[in-house]
Amino acid sequence: MRARRFLALLPLVLVGCGYNTIQSYDEKANAAKQDIEVQLQRRADLVPNLVEVVRGQAKQELEVFTNVARARSGLVDALQKRDPREMAEANEQLTTAMRGLMVQVEAYPQIKSDQAFLRLQDELTGTENRIAVSRTDLNGAVEQYNTYIRRFPQVLTAKVTGAKPKEYFEVSNAAAREAPKIDLTK
């Protein structure tokens, strides 16, 4: 008899302890993570096209193209692993490599006037903005989820259901935050 009463009250206890809210916040954080993955994949897809346009007019700059290709490959690998920390670091490496590419664009004025380049650059800029918005959305959803599962009495429900804190999308490598050093005297 007691066991039946307990089982009958269990759903009310779980609802009172935030089970449904934990699930909602978890889904919101997962959806935000998926949004940023979509934008990072879009960026990874646009980069080779931009590189090809620049490569066609700046053939001797092989090192820059190699760095961009390597960084793009790292981003694609990180996307497959779906680890927010790896995605953030790979994205930062690609950003650094792209800065080098943009320096090369400055050295070749004919590239800056190429319509294909301008179109791709606009798309890439839009994607960068979407990544920034997605990163903010993801970190906000993760903060909401992590804060909620740490509060009492939800912390009890989180322990029972195995809810774990989620990772923020941030660069952990201090060196990746520094501006790249580009030597134009070569």
N, C-alpha and C. Protein backbone atom coordinates (compact mmCIF):
# COMPACT_ATOMS: atom_id res chain seq x y z
N MET A 1 0.82 -1.19 0.00
CA MET A 1 0.00 0.00 0.00
C MET A 1 0.87 1.26 0.00
N ARG A 2 1.88 1.28 0.83
CA ARG A 2 2.77 2.43 0.88
C ARG A 2 3.51 2.61 -0.44
N ALA A 3 3.94 1.51 -1.01
CA ALA A 3 4.68 1.57 -2.27
C ALA A 3 3.80 2.15 -3.37
N ARG A 4 2.52 1.80 -3.37
CA ARG A 4 1.61 2.34 -4.38
C ARG A 4 1.42 3.84 -4.21
N ARG A 5 1.27 4.26 -2.98
CA ARG A 5 1.14 5.70 -2.73
C ARG A 5 2.38 6.45 -3.17
N PHE A 6 3.53 5.87 -2.86
CA PHE A 6 4.79 6.49 -3.26
C PHE A 6 4.88 6.59 -4.78
N LEU A 7 4.56 5.50 -5.47
CA LEU A 7 4.61 5.50 -6.93
C LEU A 7 3.60 6.48 -7.52
N ALA A 8 2.46 6.64 -6.87
CA ALA A 8 1.45 7.58 -7.34
C ALA A 8 1.92 9.03 -7.13
N LEU A 9 2.67 9.25 -6.08
CA LEU A 9 3.15 10.60 -5.78
C LEU A 9 4.45 10.93 -6.52
N LEU A 10 5.16 9.92 -7.00
CA LEU A 10 6.45 10.14 -7.65
C LEU A 10 6.38 11.15 -8.80
N PRO A 11 5.40 11.05 -9.71
CA PRO A 11 5.34 12.06 -10.78
C PRO A 11 5.17 13.48 -10.25
N LEU A 12 4.38 13.63 -9.19
CA LEU A 12 4.19 14.96 -8.61
C LEU A 12 5.48 15.48 -8.00
N VAL A 13 6.23 14.60 -7.37
CA VAL A 13 7.51 14.98 -6.78
C VAL A 13 8.49 15.39 -7.87
N LEU A 14 8.55 14.59 -8.95
CA LEU A 14 9.47 14.91 -10.04
C LEU A 14 9.11 16.23 -10.71
N VAL A 15 7.82 16.48 -10.91
CA VAL A 15 7.40 17.74 -11.51
C VAL A 15 7.75 18.89 -10.57
N GLY A 16 7.54 18.69 -9.30
CA GLY A 16 7.85 19.71 -8.31
C GLY A 16 9.34 19.97 -8.19
N CYS A 17 10.14 19.03 -8.57
CA CYS A 17 11.60 19.18 -8.48
C CYS A 17 12.21 19.59 -9.81
N GLY A 18 11.41 19.90 -10.80
CA GLY A 18 11.92 20.46 -12.03
C GLY A 18 12.29 19.51 -13.13
N TYR A 19 11.82 18.28 -13.07
CA TYR A 19 12.19 17.31 -14.10
C TYR A 19 11.84 17.82 -15.50
N ASN A 20 10.62 18.29 -15.68
CA ASN A 20 10.19 18.75 -17.00
C ASN A 20 10.99 19.97 -17.45
N THR A 21 11.29 20.85 -16.53
CA THR A 21 12.06 22.04 -16.88
C THR A 21 13.49 21.65 -17.26
N ILE A 22 14.07 20.70 -16.55
CA ILE A 22 15.41 20.22 -16.91
C ILE A 22 15.40 19.69 -18.33
N GLN A 23 14.38 18.92 -18.66
CA GLN A 23 14.29 18.37 -20.01
C GLN A 23 14.13 19.48 -21.06
N SER A 24 13.33 20.48 -20.75
CA SER A 24 13.12 21.60 -21.68
C SER A 24 14.41 22.38 -21.89
N TYR A 25 15.12 22.68 -20.81
CA TYR A 25 16.38 23.42 -20.92
C TYR A 25 17.44 22.59 -21.64
N ASP A 26 17.43 21.29 -21.41
CA ASP A 26 18.37 20.40 -22.10
C ASP A 26 18.11 20.45 -23.60
N GLU A 27 16.87 20.38 -24.01
CA GLU A 27 16.53 20.43 -25.43
C GLU A 27 16.89 21.79 -26.03
N LYS A 28 16.66 22.85 -25.28
CA LYS A 28 17.00 24.19 -25.77
C LYS A 28 18.51 24.30 -25.99
N ALA A 29 19.31 23.79 -25.06
CA ALA A 29 20.77 23.82 -25.20
C ALA A 29 21.21 22.94 -26.36
N ASN A 30 20.60 21.78 -26.52
CA ASN A 30 20.95 20.89 -27.65
C ASN A 30 20.60 21.55 -28.99
N ALA A 31 19.46 22.22 -29.05
CA ALA A 31 19.07 22.90 -30.29
C ALA A 31 20.03 24.05 -30.60
N ALA A 32 20.45 24.77 -29.59
CA ALA A 32 21.41 25.87 -29.79
C ALA A 32 22.75 25.33 -30.26
N LYS A 33 23.15 24.18 -29.72
CA LYS A 33 24.40 23.56 -30.15
C LYS A 33 24.29 23.14 -31.61
N GLN A 34 23.16 22.60 -31.99
CA GLN A 34 22.95 22.20 -33.38
C GLN A 34 22.99 23.42 -34.31
N ASP A 35 22.42 24.53 -33.86
CA ASP A 35 22.44 25.76 -34.67
C ASP A 35 23.87 26.21 -34.94
N ILE A 36 24.71 26.18 -33.93
CA ILE A 36 26.09 26.63 -34.14
C ILE A 36 26.84 25.65 -35.02
N GLU A 37 26.53 24.37 -34.90
CA GLU A 37 27.17 23.38 -35.77
C GLU A 37 26.80 23.63 -37.23
N VAL A 38 25.55 23.98 -37.47
CA VAL A 38 25.10 24.27 -38.84
C VAL A 38 25.87 25.47 -39.39
N GLN A 39 26.03 26.51 -38.59
CA GLN A 39 26.74 27.71 -39.06
C GLN A 39 28.22 27.43 -39.27
N LEU A 40 28.82 26.64 -38.39
CA LEU A 40 30.23 26.29 -38.57
C LEU A 40 30.42 25.43 -39.82
N GLN A 41 29.49 24.54 -40.08
CA GLN A 41 29.57 23.73 -41.29
C GLN A 41 29.41 24.61 -42.52
N ARG A 42 28.52 25.57 -42.46
CA ARG A 42 28.34 26.51 -43.58
C ARG A 42 29.63 27.27 -43.84
N ARG A 43 30.27 27.70 -42.75
CA ARG A 43 31.54 28.41 -42.89
C ARG A 43 32.58 27.50 -43.54
N ALA A 44 32.66 26.27 -43.05
CA ALA A 44 33.63 25.32 -43.60
C ALA A 44 33.36 25.06 -45.08
N ASP A 45 32.11 25.09 -45.48
CA ASP A 45 31.76 24.87 -46.89
C ASP A 45 32.08 26.07 -47.77
N LEU A 46 31.98 27.28 -47.23
CA LEU A 46 32.25 28.48 -48.02
C LEU A 46 33.74 28.73 -48.22
N VAL A 47 34.55 28.37 -47.24
CA VAL A 47 35.98 28.69 -47.28
C VAL A 47 36.68 28.15 -48.53
N PRO A 48 36.48 26.90 -48.93
CA PRO A 48 37.20 26.43 -50.12
C PRO A 48 36.89 27.25 -51.38
N ASN A 49 35.66 27.70 -51.52
CA ASN A 49 35.30 28.52 -52.68
C ASN A 49 36.03 29.86 -52.66
N LEU A 50 36.08 30.46 -51.48
CA LEU A 50 36.79 31.73 -51.35
C LEU A 50 38.28 31.54 -51.63
N VAL A 51 38.84 30.47 -51.11
CA VAL A 51 40.26 30.18 -51.34
C VAL A 51 40.54 30.00 -52.83
N GLU A 52 39.66 29.31 -53.53
CA GLU A 52 39.88 29.07 -54.96
C GLU A 52 39.88 30.37 -55.76
N VAL A 53 38.99 31.29 -55.39
CA VAL A 53 38.97 32.57 -56.09
C VAL A 53 40.28 33.32 -55.86
N VAL A 54 40.75 33.33 -54.61
CA VAL A 54 42.00 34.02 -54.30
C VAL A 54 43.18 33.28 -54.93
N ARG A 55 43.18 31.97 -54.86
CA ARG A 55 44.28 31.18 -55.40
C ARG A 55 44.46 31.43 -56.90
N GLY A 56 43.37 31.60 -57.60
CA GLY A 56 43.44 31.84 -59.04
C GLY A 56 44.22 33.09 -59.40
N GLN A 57 44.27 34.05 -58.48
CA GLN A 57 44.94 35.31 -58.79
C GLN A 57 46.21 35.52 -57.97
N ALA A 58 46.47 34.67 -57.00
CA ALA A 58 47.66 34.81 -56.14
C ALA A 58 48.32 33.45 -56.00
N LYS A 59 48.74 32.90 -57.09
CA LYS A 59 49.23 31.52 -57.14
C LYS A 59 50.45 31.24 -56.26
N GLN A 60 51.29 32.23 -56.06
CA GLN A 60 52.53 31.97 -55.33
C GLN A 60 52.36 31.92 -53.81
N GLU A 61 51.18 32.15 -53.29
CA GLU A 61 50.95 32.21 -51.85
C GLU A 61 50.52 30.86 -51.28
N LEU A 62 51.25 29.82 -51.58
CA LEU A 62 50.88 28.46 -51.21
C LEU A 62 50.76 28.25 -49.70
N GLU A 63 51.65 28.84 -48.92
CA GLU A 63 51.61 28.64 -47.47
C GLU A 63 50.30 29.12 -46.86
N VAL A 64 49.80 30.25 -47.32
CA VAL A 64 48.53 30.79 -46.82
C VAL A 64 47.40 29.82 -47.13
N PHE A 65 47.37 29.30 -48.36
CA PHE A 65 46.31 28.37 -48.75
C PHE A 65 46.40 27.07 -47.96
N THR A 66 47.61 26.63 -47.72
CA THR A 66 47.82 25.39 -46.94
C THR A 66 47.31 25.58 -45.52
N ASN A 67 47.61 26.73 -44.91
CA ASN A 67 47.15 27.00 -43.54
C ASN A 67 45.63 27.04 -43.46
N VAL A 68 45.01 27.67 -44.44
CA VAL A 68 43.54 27.74 -44.46
C VAL A 68 42.95 26.34 -44.64
N ALA A 69 43.51 25.56 -45.55
CA ALA A 69 43.00 24.20 -45.78
C ALA A 69 43.15 23.34 -44.53
N ARG A 70 44.28 23.47 -43.85
CA ARG A 70 44.52 22.69 -42.63
C ARG A 70 43.52 23.10 -41.53
N ALA A 71 43.32 24.40 -41.38
CA ALA A 71 42.40 24.90 -40.36
C ALA A 71 40.96 24.49 -40.67
N ARG A 72 40.58 24.54 -41.94
CA ARG A 72 39.23 24.13 -42.34
C ARG A 72 39.03 22.65 -42.04
N SER A 73 40.03 21.84 -42.35
CA SER A 73 39.95 20.40 -42.07
C SER A 73 39.78 20.16 -40.57
N GLY A 74 40.49 20.94 -39.77
CA GLY A 74 40.35 20.83 -38.31
C GLY A 74 38.95 21.16 -37.85
N LEU A 75 38.33 22.16 -38.48
CA LEU A 75 36.96 22.52 -38.11
C LEU A 75 35.99 21.41 -38.49
N VAL A 76 36.16 20.84 -39.67
CA VAL A 76 35.28 19.75 -40.11
C VAL A 76 35.43 18.55 -39.16
N ASP A 77 36.66 18.23 -38.77
CA ASP A 77 36.89 17.13 -37.81
C ASP A 77 36.21 17.41 -36.47
N ALA A 78 36.34 18.65 -35.99
CA ALA A 78 35.73 19.02 -34.71
C ALA A 78 34.21 18.94 -34.80
N LEU A 79 33.64 19.31 -35.93
CA LEU A 79 32.19 19.21 -36.10
C LEU A 79 31.73 17.77 -36.02
N GLN A 80 32.51 16.86 -36.55
CA GLN A 80 32.15 15.45 -36.50
C GLN A 80 32.21 14.90 -35.08
N LYS A 81 33.12 15.44 -34.28
CA LYS A 81 33.24 15.00 -32.87
C LYS A 81 32.16 15.60 -31.99
N ARG A 82 31.61 16.75 -32.42
CA ARG A 82 30.51 17.43 -31.73
C ARG A 82 30.87 17.90 -30.33
N ASP A 83 32.16 18.15 -30.08
CA ASP A 83 32.63 18.64 -28.78
C ASP A 83 32.71 20.17 -28.86
N PRO A 84 31.93 20.88 -28.04
CA PRO A 84 31.92 22.35 -28.11
C PRO A 84 33.31 22.98 -27.96
N ARG A 85 34.12 22.45 -27.07
CA ARG A 85 35.46 23.03 -26.87
C ARG A 85 36.31 22.86 -28.13
N GLU A 86 36.29 21.68 -28.73
CA GLU A 86 37.06 21.45 -29.94
C GLU A 86 36.54 22.29 -31.10
N MET A 87 35.21 22.43 -31.18
CA MET A 87 34.65 23.25 -32.25
C MET A 87 35.08 24.71 -32.09
N ALA A 88 35.07 25.21 -30.86
CA ALA A 88 35.47 26.60 -30.61
C ALA A 88 36.93 26.81 -30.97
N GLU A 89 37.79 25.90 -30.57
CA GLU A 89 39.22 26.04 -30.87
C GLU A 89 39.49 25.92 -32.36
N ALA A 90 38.83 24.98 -33.02
CA ALA A 90 39.01 24.82 -34.47
C ALA A 90 38.49 26.04 -35.21
N ASN A 91 37.39 26.59 -34.76
CA ASN A 91 36.85 27.80 -35.38
C ASN A 91 37.84 28.95 -35.23
N GLU A 92 38.45 29.07 -34.07
CA GLU A 92 39.43 30.13 -33.85
C GLU A 92 40.66 29.94 -34.74
N GLN A 93 41.08 28.71 -34.92
CA GLN A 93 42.22 28.45 -35.81
C GLN A 93 41.88 28.82 -37.26
N LEU A 94 40.66 28.53 -37.67
CA LEU A 94 40.25 28.91 -39.02
C LEU A 94 40.18 30.43 -39.15
N THR A 95 39.70 31.09 -38.12
CA THR A 95 39.64 32.56 -38.13
C THR A 95 41.04 33.14 -38.30
N THR A 96 42.00 32.60 -37.58
CA THR A 96 43.38 33.06 -37.69
C THR A 96 43.93 32.83 -39.09
N ALA A 97 43.68 31.66 -39.65
CA ALA A 97 44.15 31.36 -41.00
C ALA A 97 43.47 32.27 -42.03
N MET A 98 42.20 32.56 -41.83
CA MET A 98 41.48 33.43 -42.76
C MET A 98 42.02 34.86 -42.71
N ARG A 99 42.51 35.28 -41.54
CA ARG A 99 43.13 36.62 -41.47
C ARG A 99 44.33 36.68 -42.40
N GLY A 100 45.12 35.61 -42.42
CA GLY A 100 46.27 35.55 -43.33
C GLY A 100 45.83 35.62 -44.78
N LEU A 101 44.73 34.95 -45.09
CA LEU A 101 44.20 34.99 -46.46
C LEU A 101 43.75 36.41 -46.82
N MET A 102 43.12 37.08 -45.90
CA MET A 102 42.65 38.44 -46.17
C MET A 102 43.81 39.41 -46.35
N VAL A 103 44.93 39.17 -45.68
CA VAL A 103 46.12 39.98 -45.90
C VAL A 103 46.59 39.81 -47.35
N GLN A 104 46.53 38.59 -47.85
CA GLN A 104 46.91 38.34 -49.25
C GLN A 104 45.96 39.06 -50.20
N VAL A 105 44.70 39.11 -49.86
CA VAL A 105 43.73 39.81 -50.69
C VAL A 105 44.12 41.29 -50.79
N GLU A 106 44.55 41.86 -49.67
CA GLU A 106 44.97 43.27 -49.68
C GLU A 106 46.16 43.48 -50.60
N ALA A 107 47.01 42.48 -50.74
CA ALA A 107 48.20 42.60 -51.57
C ALA A 107 47.87 42.49 -53.06
N TYR A 108 46.67 42.03 -53.39
CA TYR A 108 46.28 41.85 -54.79
C TYR A 108 44.97 42.58 -55.04
N PRO A 109 45.03 43.86 -55.39
CA PRO A 109 43.81 44.66 -55.55
C PRO A 109 42.81 44.08 -56.56
N GLN A 110 43.30 43.35 -57.56
CA GLN A 110 42.38 42.80 -58.56
C GLN A 110 41.44 41.77 -57.92
N ILE A 111 41.87 41.13 -56.84
CA ILE A 111 41.00 40.15 -56.16
C ILE A 111 39.83 40.87 -55.51
N LYS A 112 40.12 42.02 -54.89
CA LYS A 112 39.07 42.75 -54.19
C LYS A 112 37.96 43.22 -55.11
N SER A 113 38.24 43.32 -56.40
CA SER A 113 37.20 43.77 -57.33
C SER A 113 36.52 42.60 -58.05
N ASP A 114 36.97 41.39 -57.82
CA ASP A 114 36.38 40.21 -58.46
C ASP A 114 34.99 39.96 -57.86
N GLN A 115 33.98 39.87 -58.71
CA GLN A 115 32.59 39.71 -58.24
C GLN A 115 32.37 38.41 -57.48
N ALA A 116 32.99 37.34 -57.92
CA ALA A 116 32.85 36.07 -57.20
C ALA A 116 33.43 36.19 -55.80
N PHE A 117 34.58 36.84 -55.70
CA PHE A 117 35.20 37.04 -54.39
C PHE A 117 34.30 37.88 -53.50
N LEU A 118 33.78 38.98 -54.03
CA LEU A 118 32.94 39.86 -53.23
C LEU A 118 31.69 39.14 -52.73
N ARG A 119 31.09 38.33 -53.60
CA ARG A 119 29.89 37.58 -53.21
C ARG A 119 30.22 36.58 -52.11
N LEU A 120 31.31 35.85 -52.29
CA LEU A 120 31.71 34.87 -51.28
C LEU A 120 32.10 35.56 -49.96
N GLN A 121 32.78 36.68 -50.07
CA GLN A 121 33.16 37.41 -48.87
C GLN A 121 31.92 37.88 -48.11
N ASP A 122 30.90 38.35 -48.82
CA ASP A 122 29.65 38.75 -48.18
C ASP A 122 28.98 37.56 -47.48
N GLU A 123 28.95 36.42 -48.16
CA GLU A 123 28.36 35.23 -47.55
C GLU A 123 29.13 34.80 -46.31
N LEU A 124 30.44 34.87 -46.39
CA LEU A 124 31.28 34.49 -45.25
C LEU A 124 31.08 35.46 -44.09
N THR A 125 30.97 36.74 -44.39
CA THR A 125 30.73 37.74 -43.34
C THR A 125 29.38 37.49 -42.68
N GLY A 126 28.36 37.19 -43.48
CA GLY A 126 27.05 36.86 -42.91
C GLY A 126 27.11 35.63 -42.04
N THR A 127 27.89 34.65 -42.47
CA THR A 127 28.03 33.43 -41.69
C THR A 127 28.74 33.71 -40.38
N GLU A 128 29.77 34.56 -40.43
CA GLU A 128 30.48 34.93 -39.20
C GLU A 128 29.52 35.57 -38.20
N ASN A 129 28.63 36.42 -38.70
CA ASN A 129 27.64 37.05 -37.83
C ASN A 129 26.68 36.01 -37.25
N ARG A 130 26.27 35.06 -38.07
CA ARG A 130 25.37 34.00 -37.59
C ARG A 130 26.07 33.14 -36.53
N ILE A 131 27.36 32.90 -36.73
CA ILE A 131 28.12 32.12 -35.74
C ILE A 131 28.15 32.87 -34.41
N ALA A 132 28.38 34.16 -34.47
CA ALA A 132 28.42 34.96 -33.23
C ALA A 132 27.07 34.90 -32.51
N VAL A 133 25.99 35.03 -33.26
CA VAL A 133 24.65 34.97 -32.65
C VAL A 133 24.40 33.56 -32.09
N SER A 134 24.76 32.54 -32.85
CA SER A 134 24.56 31.16 -32.40
C SER A 134 25.39 30.86 -31.16
N ARG A 135 26.61 31.38 -31.11
CA ARG A 135 27.48 31.18 -29.94
C ARG A 135 26.84 31.81 -28.71
N THR A 136 26.31 33.02 -28.88
CA THR A 136 25.64 33.70 -27.77
C THR A 136 24.41 32.92 -27.33
N ASP A 137 23.62 32.45 -28.29
CA ASP A 137 22.42 31.66 -27.96
C ASP A 137 22.79 30.37 -27.24
N LEU A 138 23.82 29.68 -27.74
CA LEU A 138 24.24 28.43 -27.11
C LEU A 138 24.71 28.68 -25.69
N ASN A 139 25.57 29.66 -25.51
CA ASN A 139 26.09 29.91 -24.16
C ASN A 139 24.99 30.36 -23.20
N GLY A 140 24.00 31.10 -23.71
CA GLY A 140 22.86 31.48 -22.87
C GLY A 140 22.02 30.27 -22.47
N ALA A 141 21.78 29.37 -23.42
CA ALA A 141 21.01 28.17 -23.11
C ALA A 141 21.78 27.26 -22.15
N VAL A 142 23.08 27.15 -22.34
CA VAL A 142 23.90 26.32 -21.44
C VAL A 142 23.91 26.92 -20.05
N GLU A 143 24.03 28.24 -19.96
CA GLU A 143 24.02 28.89 -18.65
C GLU A 143 22.70 28.65 -17.93
N GLN A 144 21.59 28.79 -18.66
CA GLN A 144 20.27 28.58 -18.06
C GLN A 144 20.13 27.14 -17.55
N TYR A 145 20.53 26.18 -18.39
CA TYR A 145 20.46 24.77 -18.02
C TYR A 145 21.36 24.47 -16.82
N ASN A 146 22.63 24.88 -16.91
CA ASN A 146 23.57 24.59 -15.83
C ASN A 146 23.15 25.22 -14.51
N THR A 147 22.66 26.46 -14.57
CA THR A 147 22.20 27.13 -13.36
C THR A 147 21.01 26.39 -12.76
N TYR A 148 20.09 25.99 -13.59
CA TYR A 148 18.88 25.33 -13.12
C TYR A 148 19.18 24.00 -12.44
N ILE A 149 20.06 23.19 -13.04
CA ILE A 149 20.32 21.87 -12.45
C ILE A 149 21.19 21.94 -11.20
N ARG A 150 21.69 23.11 -10.89
CA ARG A 150 22.51 23.27 -9.67
C ARG A 150 21.71 23.83 -8.50
N ARG A 151 20.48 24.27 -8.75
CA ARG A 151 19.65 24.84 -7.70
C ARG A 151 18.88 23.75 -6.95
N PHE A 152 18.61 24.05 -5.70
CA PHE A 152 17.79 23.14 -4.90
C PHE A 152 16.33 23.47 -5.14
N PRO A 153 15.47 22.52 -5.31
CA PRO A 153 15.58 21.06 -5.21
C PRO A 153 15.91 20.38 -6.55
N GLN A 154 16.08 21.18 -7.62
CA GLN A 154 16.34 20.59 -8.94
C GLN A 154 17.62 19.77 -8.96
N VAL A 155 18.58 20.13 -8.11
CA VAL A 155 19.84 19.39 -8.06
C VAL A 155 19.58 17.93 -7.71
N LEU A 156 18.58 17.68 -6.90
CA LEU A 156 18.23 16.29 -6.54
C LEU A 156 17.69 15.55 -7.77
N THR A 157 16.80 16.21 -8.48
CA THR A 157 16.25 15.61 -9.70
C THR A 157 17.36 15.39 -10.72
N ALA A 158 18.25 16.35 -10.85
CA ALA A 158 19.36 16.23 -11.80
C ALA A 158 20.24 15.03 -11.46
N LYS A 159 20.50 14.83 -10.18
CA LYS A 159 21.32 13.67 -9.78
C LYS A 159 20.60 12.36 -10.09
N VAL A 160 19.31 12.32 -9.80
CA VAL A 160 18.55 11.09 -10.04
C VAL A 160 18.47 10.77 -11.53
N THR A 161 18.30 11.81 -12.35
CA THR A 161 18.13 11.59 -13.79
C THR A 161 19.46 11.56 -14.55
N GLY A 162 20.54 11.89 -13.87
CA GLY A 162 21.86 11.87 -14.52
C GLY A 162 22.14 13.11 -15.35
N ALA A 163 21.41 14.18 -15.11
CA ALA A 163 21.65 15.43 -15.84
C ALA A 163 23.01 16.01 -15.44
N LYS A 164 23.85 16.25 -16.42
CA LYS A 164 25.20 16.76 -16.19
C LYS A 164 25.32 18.16 -16.77
N PRO A 165 26.20 18.98 -16.21
CA PRO A 165 26.42 20.32 -16.79
C PRO A 165 26.92 20.21 -18.23
N LYS A 166 26.57 21.19 -19.04
CA LYS A 166 26.99 21.25 -20.44
C LYS A 166 28.15 22.22 -20.57
N GLU A 167 28.94 22.05 -21.64
CA GLU A 167 30.08 22.92 -21.87
C GLU A 167 29.69 24.15 -22.66
N TYR A 168 30.33 25.26 -22.32
CA TYR A 168 30.15 26.50 -23.08
C TYR A 168 30.96 26.43 -24.35
N PHE A 169 30.60 27.25 -25.31
CA PHE A 169 31.34 27.36 -26.57
C PHE A 169 32.30 28.52 -26.39
N GLU A 170 33.53 28.19 -26.01
CA GLU A 170 34.53 29.22 -25.78
C GLU A 170 35.91 28.68 -26.10
N VAL A 171 36.80 29.58 -26.42
CA VAL A 171 38.17 29.20 -26.74
C VAL A 171 38.92 29.07 -25.42
N SER A 172 39.56 27.93 -25.21
CA SER A 172 40.30 27.73 -23.96
C SER A 172 41.78 28.00 -24.13
N ASN A 173 42.26 28.05 -25.37
CA ASN A 173 43.67 28.26 -25.64
C ASN A 173 43.95 29.75 -25.73
N ALA A 174 44.72 30.27 -24.78
CA ALA A 174 45.00 31.70 -24.75
C ALA A 174 45.75 32.15 -26.00
N ALA A 175 46.59 31.31 -26.55
CA ALA A 175 47.35 31.68 -27.75
C ALA A 175 46.43 31.92 -28.94
N ALA A 176 45.32 31.21 -29.00
CA ALA A 176 44.39 31.37 -30.12
C ALA A 176 43.67 32.71 -30.05
N ARG A 177 43.68 33.36 -28.89
CA ARG A 177 43.00 34.65 -28.75
C ARG A 177 43.86 35.81 -29.23
N GLU A 178 45.14 35.57 -29.44
CA GLU A 178 46.03 36.63 -29.87
C GLU A 178 45.89 36.86 -31.37
N ALA A 179 46.11 38.09 -31.78
CA ALA A 179 46.08 38.41 -33.20
C ALA A 179 47.27 37.74 -33.88
N PRO A 180 47.07 37.25 -35.09
CA PRO A 180 48.18 36.59 -35.77
C PRO A 180 49.26 37.58 -36.16
N LYS A 181 50.48 37.12 -36.17
CA LYS A 181 51.62 37.93 -36.61
C LYS A 181 51.86 37.62 -38.08
N ILE A 182 51.76 38.62 -38.92
CA ILE A 182 51.93 38.41 -40.35
C ILE A 182 53.10 39.25 -40.82
N ASP A 183 54.04 38.58 -41.48
CA ASP A 183 55.23 39.23 -41.98
C ASP A 183 55.08 39.47 -43.48
N LEU A 184 54.97 40.73 -43.86
CA LEU A 184 54.79 41.07 -45.27
C LEU A 184 56.11 41.39 -45.97
N THR A 185 57.23 41.17 -45.27
CA THR A 185 58.53 41.49 -45.87
C THR A 185 59.09 40.35 -46.70
N LYS A 186 58.43 39.23 -46.78
CA LYS A 186 58.92 38.07 -47.53
C LYS A 186 58.86 38.30 -49.01
